């Protein structure tokens, strides 16, 4: 097994985008193509505005999401996946499908719901 160095890109990236909101936000963008804030809130009604805003900023910082602001009143902001974001979701969709296929077994003795 490879020893991880103090700078570990795997650990560093997963600590930033491995949370549930990042993945769900990216799945929403995959679903809609272009998302506005209300689209995310429709798919993730339990995320706070502050957390969603921070999540989108983090995804943009990692070049997984692009943000476009239109000079209108009120300002219109749209988010979409970059090519890098799309390439991240390709294997992530396999993980999501595995979870959905096995949720009965995974949460059999648990009080969790999906």
N, C-alpha and C. Protein backbone atom coordinates (compact mmCIF):
# COMPACT_ATOMS: atom_id res chain seq x y z
N UNK A 1 0.84 -1.18 0.00
CA UNK A 1 0.00 0.00 0.00
C UNK A 1 0.89 1.24 0.00
N UNK A 2 0.51 2.22 -0.79
CA UNK A 2 1.29 3.44 -0.90
C UNK A 2 1.10 4.30 0.34
N UNK A 3 2.21 4.81 0.84
CA UNK A 3 2.17 5.71 1.99
C UNK A 3 1.78 7.10 1.51
N UNK A 4 0.81 7.74 2.17
CA UNK A 4 0.38 9.07 1.79
C UNK A 4 1.29 10.11 2.41
N UNK A 5 1.70 11.06 1.60
CA UNK A 5 2.58 12.13 2.04
C UNK A 5 1.77 13.19 2.77
N UNK A 6 2.47 14.18 3.34
CA UNK A 6 1.75 15.24 4.05
C UNK A 6 0.83 16.00 3.09
N UNK A 7 1.27 16.20 1.84
CA UNK A 7 0.37 16.74 0.82
C UNK A 7 -0.17 15.55 0.05
N UNK A 8 -1.41 15.25 0.28
CA UNK A 8 -2.03 14.10 -0.38
C UNK A 8 -3.21 14.61 -1.19
N UNK A 9 -3.09 14.65 -2.51
CA UNK A 9 -4.19 15.18 -3.32
C UNK A 9 -5.49 14.41 -3.14
N UNK A 10 -5.41 13.11 -2.92
CA UNK A 10 -6.63 12.31 -2.73
C UNK A 10 -7.35 12.78 -1.47
N UNK A 11 -6.63 12.83 -0.38
CA UNK A 11 -7.22 13.26 0.90
C UNK A 11 -7.70 14.70 0.82
N UNK A 12 -6.89 15.57 0.23
CA UNK A 12 -7.25 16.98 0.17
C UNK A 12 -8.50 17.23 -0.66
N UNK A 13 -8.60 16.60 -1.82
CA UNK A 13 -9.77 16.80 -2.67
C UNK A 13 -11.01 16.16 -2.04
N UNK A 14 -10.88 14.93 -1.55
CA UNK A 14 -12.05 14.28 -0.95
C UNK A 14 -12.55 15.01 0.29
N UNK A 15 -11.64 15.64 1.03
CA UNK A 15 -12.09 16.38 2.21
C UNK A 15 -12.91 17.60 1.80
N UNK A 16 -12.69 18.12 0.60
CA UNK A 16 -13.43 19.28 0.13
C UNK A 16 -14.70 18.93 -0.64
N UNK A 17 -14.65 17.87 -1.44
CA UNK A 17 -15.81 17.58 -2.30
C UNK A 17 -16.44 16.22 -2.02
N UNK A 18 -15.97 15.54 -0.99
CA UNK A 18 -16.51 14.23 -0.67
C UNK A 18 -17.74 14.27 0.22
N UNK A 19 -18.19 15.46 0.56
CA UNK A 19 -19.36 15.58 1.42
C UNK A 19 -20.64 15.39 0.61
N UNK A 20 -21.73 15.18 1.29
CA UNK A 20 -22.98 14.89 0.58
C UNK A 20 -23.49 16.06 -0.26
N UNK A 21 -23.29 17.29 0.18
CA UNK A 21 -23.84 18.42 -0.56
C UNK A 21 -23.13 18.61 -1.89
N UNK A 22 -21.82 18.43 -1.91
CA UNK A 22 -21.07 18.61 -3.16
C UNK A 22 -21.53 17.62 -4.21
N UNK A 23 -21.63 16.38 -3.83
CA UNK A 23 -22.04 15.34 -4.78
C UNK A 23 -23.47 15.58 -5.23
N UNK A 24 -24.35 15.90 -4.32
CA UNK A 24 -25.75 16.13 -4.69
C UNK A 24 -25.90 17.36 -5.58
N UNK A 25 -25.13 18.41 -5.31
CA UNK A 25 -25.18 19.61 -6.16
C UNK A 25 -24.70 19.27 -7.57
N UNK A 26 -23.66 18.47 -7.66
CA UNK A 26 -23.14 18.09 -8.97
C UNK A 26 -24.13 17.20 -9.72
N UNK A 27 -24.81 16.32 -9.00
CA UNK A 27 -25.82 15.47 -9.63
C UNK A 27 -26.98 16.34 -10.15
N UNK A 28 -27.35 17.38 -9.41
CA UNK A 28 -28.39 18.30 -9.88
C UNK A 28 -27.97 18.97 -11.17
N UNK A 29 -26.71 19.41 -11.24
CA UNK A 29 -26.23 20.04 -12.46
C UNK A 29 -26.21 19.06 -13.63
N UNK A 30 -25.89 17.82 -13.32
CA UNK A 30 -25.91 16.80 -14.37
C UNK A 30 -27.35 16.59 -14.86
N UNK A 31 -28.29 16.65 -13.94
CA UNK A 31 -29.71 16.44 -14.25
C UNK A 31 -30.28 17.59 -15.08
N UNK A 32 -30.00 18.83 -14.70
CA UNK A 32 -30.60 20.00 -15.34
C UNK A 32 -29.73 20.64 -16.42
N UNK A 33 -28.44 20.36 -16.40
CA UNK A 33 -27.52 21.03 -17.32
C UNK A 33 -27.04 22.34 -16.73
N UNK A 34 -27.91 23.30 -16.63
CA UNK A 34 -27.60 24.59 -16.01
C UNK A 34 -28.54 24.75 -14.82
N UNK A 35 -27.99 25.13 -13.68
CA UNK A 35 -28.80 25.27 -12.47
C UNK A 35 -28.74 26.67 -11.91
N UNK A 36 -29.87 27.09 -11.43
CA UNK A 36 -29.94 28.30 -10.62
C UNK A 36 -30.15 27.85 -9.18
N UNK A 37 -30.02 28.78 -8.27
CA UNK A 37 -30.07 28.45 -6.85
C UNK A 37 -31.34 27.68 -6.50
N UNK A 38 -32.46 28.07 -7.06
CA UNK A 38 -33.74 27.41 -6.73
C UNK A 38 -33.77 25.95 -7.19
N UNK A 39 -33.03 25.63 -8.27
CA UNK A 39 -32.98 24.24 -8.74
C UNK A 39 -32.31 23.35 -7.71
N UNK A 40 -31.23 23.87 -7.12
CA UNK A 40 -30.55 23.09 -6.08
C UNK A 40 -31.46 22.90 -4.88
N UNK A 41 -32.16 23.97 -4.50
CA UNK A 41 -33.03 23.88 -3.33
C UNK A 41 -34.21 22.94 -3.57
N UNK A 42 -34.61 22.79 -4.82
CA UNK A 42 -35.69 21.85 -5.16
C UNK A 42 -35.21 20.41 -4.93
N UNK A 43 -33.97 20.13 -5.34
CA UNK A 43 -33.42 18.77 -5.20
C UNK A 43 -32.86 18.50 -3.81
N UNK A 44 -32.47 19.56 -3.10
CA UNK A 44 -31.86 19.41 -1.78
C UNK A 44 -32.56 20.35 -0.79
N UNK A 45 -33.82 20.10 -0.47
CA UNK A 45 -34.56 21.05 0.37
C UNK A 45 -34.02 21.19 1.79
N UNK A 46 -33.21 20.24 2.23
CA UNK A 46 -32.71 20.30 3.60
C UNK A 46 -31.34 20.98 3.73
N UNK A 47 -30.79 21.52 2.63
CA UNK A 47 -29.53 22.24 2.71
C UNK A 47 -29.82 23.72 2.99
N UNK A 48 -29.04 24.31 3.86
CA UNK A 48 -29.22 25.73 4.15
C UNK A 48 -28.64 26.56 3.00
N UNK A 49 -29.11 27.78 2.86
CA UNK A 49 -28.60 28.67 1.81
C UNK A 49 -27.10 28.90 2.00
N UNK A 50 -26.69 29.07 3.24
CA UNK A 50 -25.27 29.31 3.53
C UNK A 50 -24.42 28.11 3.12
N UNK A 51 -24.86 26.91 3.46
CA UNK A 51 -24.10 25.70 3.13
C UNK A 51 -24.07 25.47 1.63
N UNK A 52 -25.19 25.71 0.96
CA UNK A 52 -25.23 25.55 -0.49
C UNK A 52 -24.29 26.55 -1.17
N UNK A 53 -24.32 27.78 -0.70
CA UNK A 53 -23.44 28.80 -1.26
C UNK A 53 -21.97 28.42 -1.08
N UNK A 54 -21.60 27.96 0.10
CA UNK A 54 -20.22 27.56 0.37
C UNK A 54 -19.83 26.35 -0.48
N UNK A 55 -20.74 25.41 -0.60
CA UNK A 55 -20.48 24.21 -1.41
C UNK A 55 -20.21 24.58 -2.86
N UNK A 56 -21.02 25.46 -3.41
CA UNK A 56 -20.84 25.88 -4.80
C UNK A 56 -19.52 26.64 -4.98
N UNK A 57 -19.15 27.45 -4.00
CA UNK A 57 -17.87 28.16 -4.06
C UNK A 57 -16.70 27.17 -4.06
N UNK A 58 -16.80 26.14 -3.21
CA UNK A 58 -15.74 25.12 -3.16
C UNK A 58 -15.63 24.37 -4.48
N UNK A 59 -16.76 24.00 -5.04
CA UNK A 59 -16.76 23.28 -6.32
C UNK A 59 -16.19 24.15 -7.44
N UNK A 60 -16.49 25.43 -7.39
CA UNK A 60 -15.95 26.35 -8.39
C UNK A 60 -14.43 26.50 -8.21
N UNK A 61 -13.98 26.56 -6.97
CA UNK A 61 -12.55 26.68 -6.69
C UNK A 61 -11.77 25.48 -7.22
N UNK A 62 -12.36 24.31 -7.20
CA UNK A 62 -11.71 23.11 -7.71
C UNK A 62 -11.95 22.90 -9.21
N UNK A 63 -12.55 23.89 -9.86
CA UNK A 63 -12.81 23.84 -11.30
C UNK A 63 -13.74 22.70 -11.71
N UNK A 64 -14.63 22.31 -10.80
CA UNK A 64 -15.61 21.28 -11.10
C UNK A 64 -16.92 21.90 -11.59
N UNK A 65 -17.11 23.17 -11.26
CA UNK A 65 -18.33 23.89 -11.58
C UNK A 65 -17.96 25.26 -12.13
N UNK A 66 -18.70 25.71 -13.12
CA UNK A 66 -18.52 27.08 -13.59
C UNK A 66 -19.73 27.90 -13.15
N UNK A 67 -19.47 29.15 -12.90
CA UNK A 67 -20.49 30.08 -12.41
C UNK A 67 -20.57 31.25 -13.37
N UNK A 68 -21.78 31.55 -13.82
CA UNK A 68 -21.97 32.67 -14.75
C UNK A 68 -22.97 33.64 -14.14
N UNK A 69 -22.55 34.89 -14.03
CA UNK A 69 -23.41 35.94 -13.46
C UNK A 69 -23.86 36.84 -14.60
N UNK A 70 -25.15 37.07 -14.68
CA UNK A 70 -25.73 37.95 -15.69
C UNK A 70 -25.99 39.32 -15.05
N UNK A 71 -25.59 40.39 -15.73
CA UNK A 71 -25.76 41.73 -15.17
C UNK A 71 -27.21 42.21 -15.29
N UNK A 72 -28.05 41.62 -14.48
CA UNK A 72 -29.47 41.97 -14.46
C UNK A 72 -29.83 42.39 -13.05
N UNK A 73 -31.00 42.95 -12.90
CA UNK A 73 -31.50 43.30 -11.57
C UNK A 73 -32.81 42.56 -11.38
N UNK A 74 -32.89 41.65 -10.41
CA UNK A 74 -31.79 41.15 -9.59
C UNK A 74 -30.83 40.30 -10.41
N UNK A 75 -29.59 40.15 -9.96
CA UNK A 75 -28.61 39.37 -10.72
C UNK A 75 -29.04 37.91 -10.86
N UNK A 76 -28.82 37.38 -12.04
CA UNK A 76 -29.11 35.97 -12.30
C UNK A 76 -27.76 35.24 -12.32
N UNK A 77 -27.70 34.14 -11.56
CA UNK A 77 -26.47 33.35 -11.48
C UNK A 77 -26.80 31.93 -11.88
N UNK A 78 -25.99 31.38 -12.78
CA UNK A 78 -26.19 30.01 -13.24
C UNK A 78 -24.92 29.21 -13.02
N UNK A 79 -25.13 27.95 -12.66
CA UNK A 79 -24.02 27.03 -12.40
C UNK A 79 -24.14 25.85 -13.35
N UNK A 80 -22.99 25.37 -13.80
CA UNK A 80 -22.96 24.18 -14.64
C UNK A 80 -21.66 23.43 -14.39
N UNK A 81 -21.68 22.16 -14.74
CA UNK A 81 -20.48 21.34 -14.59
C UNK A 81 -19.45 21.71 -15.64
N UNK A 82 -18.20 21.69 -15.25
CA UNK A 82 -17.11 21.82 -16.21
C UNK A 82 -16.83 20.42 -16.75
N UNK A 83 -15.92 20.34 -17.70
CA UNK A 83 -15.52 19.01 -18.19
C UNK A 83 -14.92 18.18 -17.06
N UNK A 84 -14.17 18.84 -16.20
CA UNK A 84 -13.58 18.14 -15.06
C UNK A 84 -14.68 17.61 -14.14
N UNK A 85 -15.71 18.44 -13.90
CA UNK A 85 -16.83 18.01 -13.07
C UNK A 85 -17.58 16.84 -13.68
N UNK A 86 -17.78 16.88 -14.99
CA UNK A 86 -18.44 15.76 -15.67
C UNK A 86 -17.61 14.49 -15.55
N UNK A 87 -16.29 14.63 -15.67
CA UNK A 87 -15.43 13.44 -15.56
C UNK A 87 -15.42 12.89 -14.14
N UNK A 88 -15.59 13.76 -13.14
CA UNK A 88 -15.69 13.30 -11.75
C UNK A 88 -16.98 12.51 -11.55
N UNK A 89 -18.06 12.99 -12.13
CA UNK A 89 -19.36 12.32 -11.93
C UNK A 89 -19.45 10.98 -12.63
N UNK A 90 -18.67 10.78 -13.64
CA UNK A 90 -18.73 9.50 -14.35
C UNK A 90 -18.50 8.32 -13.41
N UNK A 91 -17.39 8.25 -12.68
CA UNK A 91 -17.23 7.14 -11.73
C UNK A 91 -18.11 7.30 -10.50
N UNK A 92 -18.43 8.54 -10.12
CA UNK A 92 -19.27 8.76 -8.94
C UNK A 92 -20.67 8.19 -9.16
N UNK A 93 -21.16 8.24 -10.40
CA UNK A 93 -22.48 7.65 -10.69
C UNK A 93 -22.49 6.15 -10.41
N UNK A 94 -21.36 5.48 -10.63
CA UNK A 94 -21.27 4.06 -10.29
C UNK A 94 -21.41 3.86 -8.79
N UNK A 95 -20.80 4.72 -8.01
CA UNK A 95 -20.90 4.64 -6.54
C UNK A 95 -22.34 4.90 -6.11
N UNK A 96 -22.96 5.93 -6.68
CA UNK A 96 -24.35 6.26 -6.34
C UNK A 96 -25.27 5.09 -6.67
N UNK A 97 -25.10 4.51 -7.85
CA UNK A 97 -25.94 3.36 -8.22
C UNK A 97 -25.70 2.17 -7.30
N UNK A 98 -24.45 1.95 -6.90
CA UNK A 98 -24.14 0.85 -5.97
C UNK A 98 -24.85 1.08 -4.64
N UNK A 99 -24.83 2.31 -4.15
CA UNK A 99 -25.51 2.62 -2.88
C UNK A 99 -27.00 2.37 -3.01
N UNK A 100 -27.60 2.86 -4.10
CA UNK A 100 -29.04 2.67 -4.29
C UNK A 100 -29.40 1.20 -4.44
N UNK A 101 -28.56 0.44 -5.12
CA UNK A 101 -28.80 -1.00 -5.29
C UNK A 101 -28.68 -1.77 -3.98
N UNK A 102 -27.89 -1.27 -3.06
CA UNK A 102 -27.60 -2.00 -1.82
C UNK A 102 -28.10 -1.31 -0.56
N UNK A 103 -28.95 -0.31 -0.70
CA UNK A 103 -29.40 0.45 0.47
C UNK A 103 -30.12 -0.42 1.50
N UNK A 104 -30.86 -1.42 1.05
CA UNK A 104 -31.57 -2.30 1.99
C UNK A 104 -30.58 -3.03 2.90
N UNK A 105 -29.52 -3.52 2.33
CA UNK A 105 -28.51 -4.25 3.10
C UNK A 105 -27.69 -3.29 3.95
N UNK A 106 -27.30 -2.17 3.37
CA UNK A 106 -26.45 -1.21 4.07
C UNK A 106 -27.13 -0.64 5.31
N UNK A 107 -28.44 -0.42 5.24
CA UNK A 107 -29.15 0.23 6.33
C UNK A 107 -30.13 -0.69 7.05
N UNK A 108 -29.93 -1.99 6.91
CA UNK A 108 -30.83 -2.97 7.52
C UNK A 108 -30.93 -2.80 9.02
N UNK A 109 -29.81 -2.69 9.71
CA UNK A 109 -29.83 -2.61 11.17
C UNK A 109 -29.63 -1.18 11.64
N UNK A 110 -29.89 -0.26 10.77
CA UNK A 110 -29.67 1.14 11.09
C UNK A 110 -31.00 1.90 11.04
N UNK A 111 -30.99 3.07 11.60
CA UNK A 111 -32.18 3.92 11.56
C UNK A 111 -32.10 4.95 10.46
N UNK A 112 -31.11 4.82 9.58
CA UNK A 112 -30.92 5.76 8.49
C UNK A 112 -31.95 5.52 7.39
N UNK A 113 -32.27 6.58 6.69
CA UNK A 113 -33.11 6.45 5.51
C UNK A 113 -32.45 7.19 4.36
N UNK A 114 -32.72 6.75 3.17
CA UNK A 114 -32.19 7.42 1.98
C UNK A 114 -33.33 7.98 1.19
